[in-house]
Amino acid sequence: MQTKFKVGDTVRCVSSEYSYITLGRTYVIKETQCAWCRVITDHGGLDSYMEQAFELVEPNPVLTPE
């Protein structure tokens, strides 16, 4: 089973249930496995969290002059 995120995705924490990550802060997915995502935490360690703790941050579209 694959997560809804891939390595390198920028995600925002949408849960206040976890230690070492902050609600509303963005993180970069470092690894994925089943329904778990590994990110660098606020304390600098690599830790796993359920994918439900995050939402994908959509990249800003590149605007080109017409």
PDB file of N, CA and C in Angstrom:
ATOM      1  N   MET A   1       0.848  -1.186   0.000  1.00  0.00           N
ATOM      2  CA  MET A   1       0.000   0.000   0.000  1.00  0.00           C
ATOM      3  C   MET A   1       0.892   1.248   0.000  1.00  0.00           C
ATOM      4  N   GLN A   2       0.596   2.170  -0.855  1.00  0.00           N
ATOM      5  CA  GLN A   2       1.383   3.389  -1.005  1.00  0.00           C
ATOM      6  C   GLN A   2       0.663   4.550  -0.333  1.00  0.00           C
ATOM      7  N   THR A   3       1.409   5.518   0.153  1.00  0.00           N
ATOM      8  CA  THR A   3       0.806   6.701   0.750  1.00  0.00           C
ATOM      9  C   THR A   3       0.318   7.632  -0.348  1.00  0.00           C
ATOM     10  N   LYS A   4      -0.461   8.629   0.042  1.00  0.00           N
ATOM     11  CA  LYS A   4      -0.944   9.612  -0.929  1.00  0.00           C
ATOM     12  C   LYS A   4       0.121  10.651  -1.244  1.00  0.00           C
ATOM     13  N   PHE A   5       1.273  10.579  -0.576  1.00  0.00           N
ATOM     14  CA  PHE A   5       2.382  11.500  -0.799  1.00  0.00           C
ATOM     15  C   PHE A   5       3.573  10.748  -1.377  1.00  0.00           C
ATOM     16  N   LYS A   6       4.495  11.501  -1.971  1.00  0.00           N
ATOM     17  CA  LYS A   6       5.730  10.901  -2.469  1.00  0.00           C
ATOM     18  C   LYS A   6       6.920  11.644  -1.864  1.00  0.00           C
ATOM     19  N   VAL A   7       8.072  11.021  -1.896  1.00  0.00           N
ATOM     20  CA  VAL A   7       9.287  11.630  -1.375  1.00  0.00           C
ATOM     21  C   VAL A   7       9.511  12.961  -2.089  1.00  0.00           C
ATOM     22  N   GLY A   8       9.792  13.996  -1.301  1.00  0.00           N
ATOM     23  CA  GLY A   8      10.021  15.330  -1.845  1.00  0.00           C
ATOM     24  C   GLY A   8       8.819  16.245  -1.786  1.00  0.00           C
ATOM     25  N   ASP A   9       7.614  15.682  -1.552  1.00  0.00           N
ATOM     26  CA  ASP A   9       6.418  16.523  -1.433  1.00  0.00           C
ATOM     27  C   ASP A   9       6.524  17.433  -0.211  1.00  0.00           C
ATOM     28  N   THR A  10       6.020  18.650  -0.354  1.00  0.00           N
ATOM     29  CA  THR A  10       5.898  19.555   0.782  1.00  0.00           C
ATOM     30  C   THR A  10       4.490  19.396   1.326  1.00  0.00           C
ATOM     31  N   VAL A  11       4.391  19.159   2.631  1.00  0.00           N
ATOM     32  CA  VAL A  11       3.103  18.925   3.279  1.00  0.00           C
ATOM     33  C   VAL A  11       2.959  19.859   4.478  1.00  0.00           C
ATOM     34  N   ARG A  12       1.715  20.108   4.861  1.00  0.00           N
ATOM     35  CA  ARG A  12       1.412  20.931   6.038  1.00  0.00           C
ATOM     36  C   ARG A  12       0.787  20.028   7.091  1.00  0.00           C
ATOM     37  N   CYS A  13       1.235  20.194   8.334  1.00  0.00           N
ATOM     38  CA  CYS A  13       0.659  19.444   9.446  1.00  0.00           C
ATOM     39  C   CYS A  13      -0.748  19.961   9.730  1.00  0.00           C
ATOM     40  N   VAL A  14      -1.721  19.044   9.770  1.00  0.00           N
ATOM     41  CA  VAL A  14      -3.114  19.413  10.021  1.00  0.00           C
ATOM     42  C   VAL A  14      -3.646  18.751  11.293  1.00  0.00           C
ATOM     43  N   SER A  15      -2.745  18.262  12.130  1.00  0.00           N
ATOM     44  CA  SER A  15      -3.145  17.576  13.358  1.00  0.00           C
ATOM     45  C   SER A  15      -2.300  18.068  14.530  1.00  0.00           C
ATOM     46  N   SER A  16      -2.945  18.249  15.659  1.00  0.00           N
ATOM     47  CA  SER A  16      -2.216  18.647  16.867  1.00  0.00           C
ATOM     48  C   SER A  16      -2.005  17.460  17.805  1.00  0.00           C
ATOM     49  N   GLU A  17      -2.235  16.245  17.304  1.00  0.00           N
ATOM     50  CA  GLU A  17      -2.153  15.038  18.128  1.00  0.00           C
ATOM     51  C   GLU A  17      -0.735  14.486  18.288  1.00  0.00           C
ATOM     52  N   TYR A  18       0.233  15.016  17.549  1.00  0.00           N
ATOM     53  CA  TYR A  18       1.553  14.408  17.509  1.00  0.00           C
ATOM     54  C   TYR A  18       2.603  15.275  18.195  1.00  0.00           C
ATOM     55  N   SER A  19       3.606  14.604  18.743  1.00  0.00           N
ATOM     56  CA  SER A  19       4.757  15.303  19.320  1.00  0.00           C
ATOM     57  C   SER A  19       5.764  15.591  18.225  1.00  0.00           C
ATOM     58  N   TYR A  20       6.496  16.654  18.377  1.00  0.00           N
ATOM     59  CA  TYR A  20       7.634  17.004  17.534  1.00  0.00           C
ATOM     60  C   TYR A  20       7.290  17.545  16.155  1.00  0.00           C
ATOM     61  N   ILE A  21       6.004  17.673  15.814  1.00  0.00           N
ATOM     62  CA  ILE A  21       5.587  18.411  14.623  1.00  0.00           C
ATOM     63  C   ILE A  21       4.510  19.401  15.051  1.00  0.00           C
ATOM     64  N   THR A  22       4.413  20.516  14.329  1.00  0.00           N
ATOM     65  CA  THR A  22       3.563  21.622  14.748  1.00  0.00           C
ATOM     66  C   THR A  22       2.426  21.844  13.773  1.00  0.00           C
ATOM     67  N   LEU A  23       1.225  21.980  14.312  1.00  0.00           N
ATOM     68  CA  LEU A  23       0.038  22.273  13.511  1.00  0.00           C
ATOM     69  C   LEU A  23       0.285  23.516  12.659  1.00  0.00           C
ATOM     70  N   GLY A  24       0.054  23.400  11.350  1.00  0.00           N
ATOM     71  CA  GLY A  24       0.204  24.513  10.430  1.00  0.00           C
ATOM     72  C   GLY A  24       1.589  24.664   9.820  1.00  0.00           C
ATOM     73  N   ARG A  25       2.573  23.997  10.358  1.00  0.00           N
ATOM     74  CA  ARG A  25       3.944  24.100   9.838  1.00  0.00           C
ATOM     75  C   ARG A  25       4.120  23.162   8.643  1.00  0.00           C
ATOM     76  N   THR A  26       5.023  23.525   7.725  1.00  0.00           N
ATOM     77  CA  THR A  26       5.265  22.678   6.558  1.00  0.00           C
ATOM     78  C   THR A  26       6.502  21.818   6.765  1.00  0.00           C
ATOM     79  N   TYR A  27       6.477  20.650   6.130  1.00  0.00           N
ATOM     80  CA  TYR A  27       7.555  19.662   6.204  1.00  0.00           C
ATOM     81  C   TYR A  27       7.738  19.053   4.821  1.00  0.00           C
ATOM     82  N   VAL A  28       8.899  18.464   4.584  1.00  0.00           N
ATOM     83  CA  VAL A  28       9.170  17.779   3.327  1.00  0.00           C
ATOM     84  C   VAL A  28       9.206  16.276   3.600  1.00  0.00           C
ATOM     85  N   ILE A  29       8.484  15.510   2.788  1.00  0.00           N
ATOM     86  CA  ILE A  29       8.458  14.056   2.947  1.00  0.00           C
ATOM     87  C   ILE A  29       9.825  13.489   2.574  1.00  0.00           C
ATOM     88  N   LYS A  30      10.428  12.747   3.504  1.00  0.00           N
ATOM     89  CA  LYS A  30      11.743  12.145   3.288  1.00  0.00           C
ATOM     90  C   LYS A  30      11.636  10.678   2.903  1.00  0.00           C
ATOM     91  N   GLU A  31      10.625   9.973   3.433  1.00  0.00           N
ATOM     92  CA  GLU A  31      10.399   8.558   3.137  1.00  0.00           C
ATOM     93  C   GLU A  31       8.911   8.280   3.298  1.00  0.00           C
ATOM     94  N   THR A  32       8.428   7.247   2.610  1.00  0.00           N
ATOM     95  CA  THR A  32       7.044   6.803   2.797  1.00  0.00           C
ATOM     96  C   THR A  32       7.038   5.283   2.910  1.00  0.00           C
ATOM     97  N   GLN A  33       6.078   4.773   3.677  1.00  0.00           N
ATOM     98  CA  GLN A  33       5.888   3.334   3.795  1.00  0.00           C
ATOM     99  C   GLN A  33       4.480   3.093   4.305  1.00  0.00           C
ATOM    100  N   CYS A  34       3.723   2.324   3.527  1.00  0.00           N
ATOM    101  CA  CYS A  34       2.311   2.059   3.842  1.00  0.00           C
ATOM    102  C   CYS A  34       1.610   3.387   4.085  1.00  0.00           C
ATOM    103  N   ALA A  35       0.998   3.589   5.227  1.00  0.00           N
ATOM    104  CA  ALA A  35       0.272   4.834   5.515  1.00  0.00           C
ATOM    105  C   ALA A  35       1.108   5.783   6.371  1.00  0.00           C
ATOM    106  N   TRP A  36       2.419   5.590   6.379  1.00  0.00           N
ATOM    107  CA  TRP A  36       3.327   6.391   7.206  1.00  0.00           C
ATOM    108  C   TRP A  36       4.213   7.272   6.342  1.00  0.00           C
ATOM    109  N   CYS A  37       4.483   8.463   6.849  1.00  0.00           N
ATOM    110  CA  CYS A  37       5.378   9.416   6.186  1.00  0.00           C
ATOM    111  C   CYS A  37       6.458   9.812   7.174  1.00  0.00           C
ATOM    112  N   ARG A  38       7.691   9.855   6.697  1.00  0.00           N
ATOM    113  CA  ARG A  38       8.803  10.276   7.554  1.00  0.00           C
ATOM    114  C   ARG A  38       9.219  11.683   7.158  1.00  0.00           C
ATOM    115  N   VAL A  39       9.338  12.541   8.176  1.00  0.00           N
ATOM    116  CA  VAL A  39       9.735  13.936   7.983  1.00  0.00           C
ATOM    117  C   VAL A  39      10.778  14.302   9.031  1.00  0.00           C
ATOM    118  N   ILE A  40      11.529  15.376   8.753  1.00  0.00           N
ATOM    119  CA  ILE A  40      12.430  15.934   9.751  1.00  0.00           C
ATOM    120  C   ILE A  40      11.561  16.737  10.724  1.00  0.00           C
ATOM    121  N   THR A  41      11.612  16.387  11.999  1.00  0.00           N
ATOM    122  CA  THR A  41      10.756  17.009  13.009  1.00  0.00           C
ATOM    123  C   THR A  41      11.288  18.375  13.429  1.00  0.00           C
ATOM    124  N   ASP A  42      10.526  19.048  14.281  1.00  0.00           N
ATOM    125  CA  ASP A  42      10.925  20.345  14.817  1.00  0.00           C
ATOM    126  C   ASP A  42      12.223  20.253  15.627  1.00  0.00           C
ATOM    127  N   HIS A  43      12.530  19.059  16.109  1.00  0.00           N
ATOM    128  CA  HIS A  43      13.734  18.852  16.918  1.00  0.00           C
ATOM    129  C   HIS A  43      14.902  18.328  16.089  1.00  0.00           C
ATOM    130  N   GLY A  44      14.715  18.233  14.765  1.00  0.00           N
ATOM    131  CA  GLY A  44      15.796  17.837  13.874  1.00  0.00           C
ATOM    132  C   GLY A  44      15.950  16.356  13.635  1.00  0.00           C
ATOM    133  N   GLY A  45      15.095  15.544  14.255  1.00  0.00           N
ATOM    134  CA  GLY A  45      15.165  14.100  14.045  1.00  0.00           C
ATOM    135  C   GLY A  45      14.249  13.659  12.917  1.00  0.00           C
ATOM    136  N   LEU A  46      14.482  12.461  12.414  1.00  0.00           N
ATOM    137  CA  LEU A  46      13.633  11.865  11.393  1.00  0.00           C
ATOM    138  C   LEU A  46      12.624  10.973  12.095  1.00  0.00           C
ATOM    139  N   ASP A  47      11.319  11.243  11.901  1.00  0.00           N
ATOM    140  CA  ASP A  47      10.290  10.475  12.603  1.00  0.00           C
ATOM    141  C   ASP A  47       9.127  10.191  11.665  1.00  0.00           C
ATOM    142  N   SER A  48       8.341   9.161  11.995  1.00  0.00           N
ATOM    143  CA  SER A  48       7.215   8.728  11.171  1.00  0.00           C
ATOM    144  C   SER A  48       5.891   9.183  11.760  1.00  0.00           C
ATOM    145  N   TYR A  49       4.991   9.582  10.865  1.00  0.00           N
ATOM    146  CA  TYR A  49       3.648  10.011  11.248  1.00  0.00           C
ATOM    147  C   TYR A  49       2.649   9.468  10.243  1.00  0.00           C
ATOM    148  N   MET A  50       1.422   9.256  10.690  1.00  0.00           N
ATOM    149  CA  MET A  50       0.360   8.804   9.801  1.00  0.00           C
ATOM    150  C   MET A  50       0.106   9.867   8.733  1.00  0.00           C
ATOM    151  N   GLU A  51      -0.194   9.435   7.522  1.00  0.00           N
ATOM    152  CA  GLU A  51      -0.412  10.384   6.425  1.00  0.00           C
ATOM    153  C   GLU A  51      -1.571  11.333   6.708  1.00  0.00           C
ATOM    154  N   GLN A  52      -2.514  10.945   7.564  1.00  0.00           N
ATOM    155  CA  GLN A  52      -3.649  11.809   7.915  1.00  0.00           C
ATOM    156  C   GLN A  52      -3.218  13.061   8.671  1.00  0.00           C
ATOM    157  N   ALA A  53      -1.982  13.076   9.168  1.00  0.00           N
ATOM    158  CA  ALA A  53      -1.479  14.236   9.899  1.00  0.00           C
ATOM    159  C   ALA A  53      -1.116  15.381   8.958  1.00  0.00           C
ATOM    160  N   PHE A  54      -1.138  15.120   7.628  1.00  0.00           N
ATOM    161  CA  PHE A  54      -0.656  16.103   6.666  1.00  0.00           C
ATOM    162  C   PHE A  54      -1.629  16.336   5.522  1.00  0.00           C
ATOM    163  N   GLU A  55      -1.476  17.510   4.903  1.00  0.00           N
ATOM    164  CA  GLU A  55      -2.129  17.796   3.628  1.00  0.00           C
ATOM    165  C   GLU A  55      -1.051  18.298   2.681  1.00  0.00           C
ATOM    166  N   LEU A  56      -1.233  18.022   1.407  1.00  0.00           N
ATOM    167  CA  LEU A  56      -0.263  18.439   0.404  1.00  0.00           C
ATOM    168  C   LEU A  56      -0.314  19.941   0.224  1.00  0.00           C
ATOM    169  N   VAL A  57       0.850  20.562   0.182  1.00  0.00           N
ATOM    170  CA  VAL A  57       0.958  21.989  -0.124  1.00  0.00           C
ATOM    171  C   VAL A  57       1.155  22.080  -1.626  1.00  0.00           C
ATOM    172  N   GLU A  58       0.195  22.656  -2.311  1.00  0.00           N
ATOM    173  CA  GLU A  58       0.278  22.771  -3.766  1.00  0.00           C
ATOM    174  C   GLU A  58       1.380  23.747  -4.140  1.00  0.00           C
ATOM    175  N   PRO A  59       2.225  23.372  -5.087  1.00  0.00           N
ATOM    176  CA  PRO A  59       3.257  24.314  -5.513  1.00  0.00           C
ATOM    177  C   PRO A  59       2.622  25.518  -6.193  1.00  0.00           C
ATOM    178  N   ASN A  60       3.268  26.674  -6.060  1.00  0.00           N
ATOM    179  CA  ASN A  60       2.776  27.883  -6.709  1.00  0.00           C
ATOM    180  C   ASN A  60       2.957  27.724  -8.215  1.00  0.00           C
ATOM    181  N   PRO A  61       1.933  28.050  -8.989  1.00  0.00           N
ATOM    182  CA  PRO A  61       2.095  27.938 -10.439  1.00  0.00           C
ATOM    183  C   PRO A  61       3.086  28.998 -10.929  1.00  0.00           C
ATOM    184  N   VAL A  62       3.820  28.642 -11.934  1.00  0.00           N
ATOM    185  CA  VAL A  62       4.774  29.568 -12.524  1.00  0.00           C
ATOM    186  C   VAL A  62       4.015  30.467 -13.499  1.00  0.00           C
ATOM    187  N   LEU A  63       4.075  31.759 -13.249  1.00  0.00           N
ATOM    188  CA  LEU A  63       3.382  32.693 -14.128  1.00  0.00           C
ATOM    189  C   LEU A  63       4.331  33.139 -15.229  1.00  0.00           C
ATOM    190  N   THR A  64       3.857  33.070 -16.443  1.00  0.00           N
ATOM    191  CA  THR A  64       4.671  33.511 -17.573  1.00  0.00           C
ATOM    192  C   THR A  64       3.987  34.704 -18.234  1.00  0.00           C
ATOM    193  N   PRO A  65       4.763  35.667 -18.666  1.00  0.00           N
ATOM    194  CA  PRO A  65       4.147  36.824 -19.321  1.00  0.00           C
ATOM    195  C   PRO A  65       3.541  36.413 -20.669  1.00  0.00           C
ATOM    196  N   GLU A  66       2.453  37.051 -20.994  1.00  0.00           N
ATOM    197  CA  GLU A  66       1.770  36.705 -22.247  1.00  0.00           C
ATOM    198  C   GLU A  66       2.278  37.543 -23.384  1.00  0.00           C
TER     199      GLU A  66
END
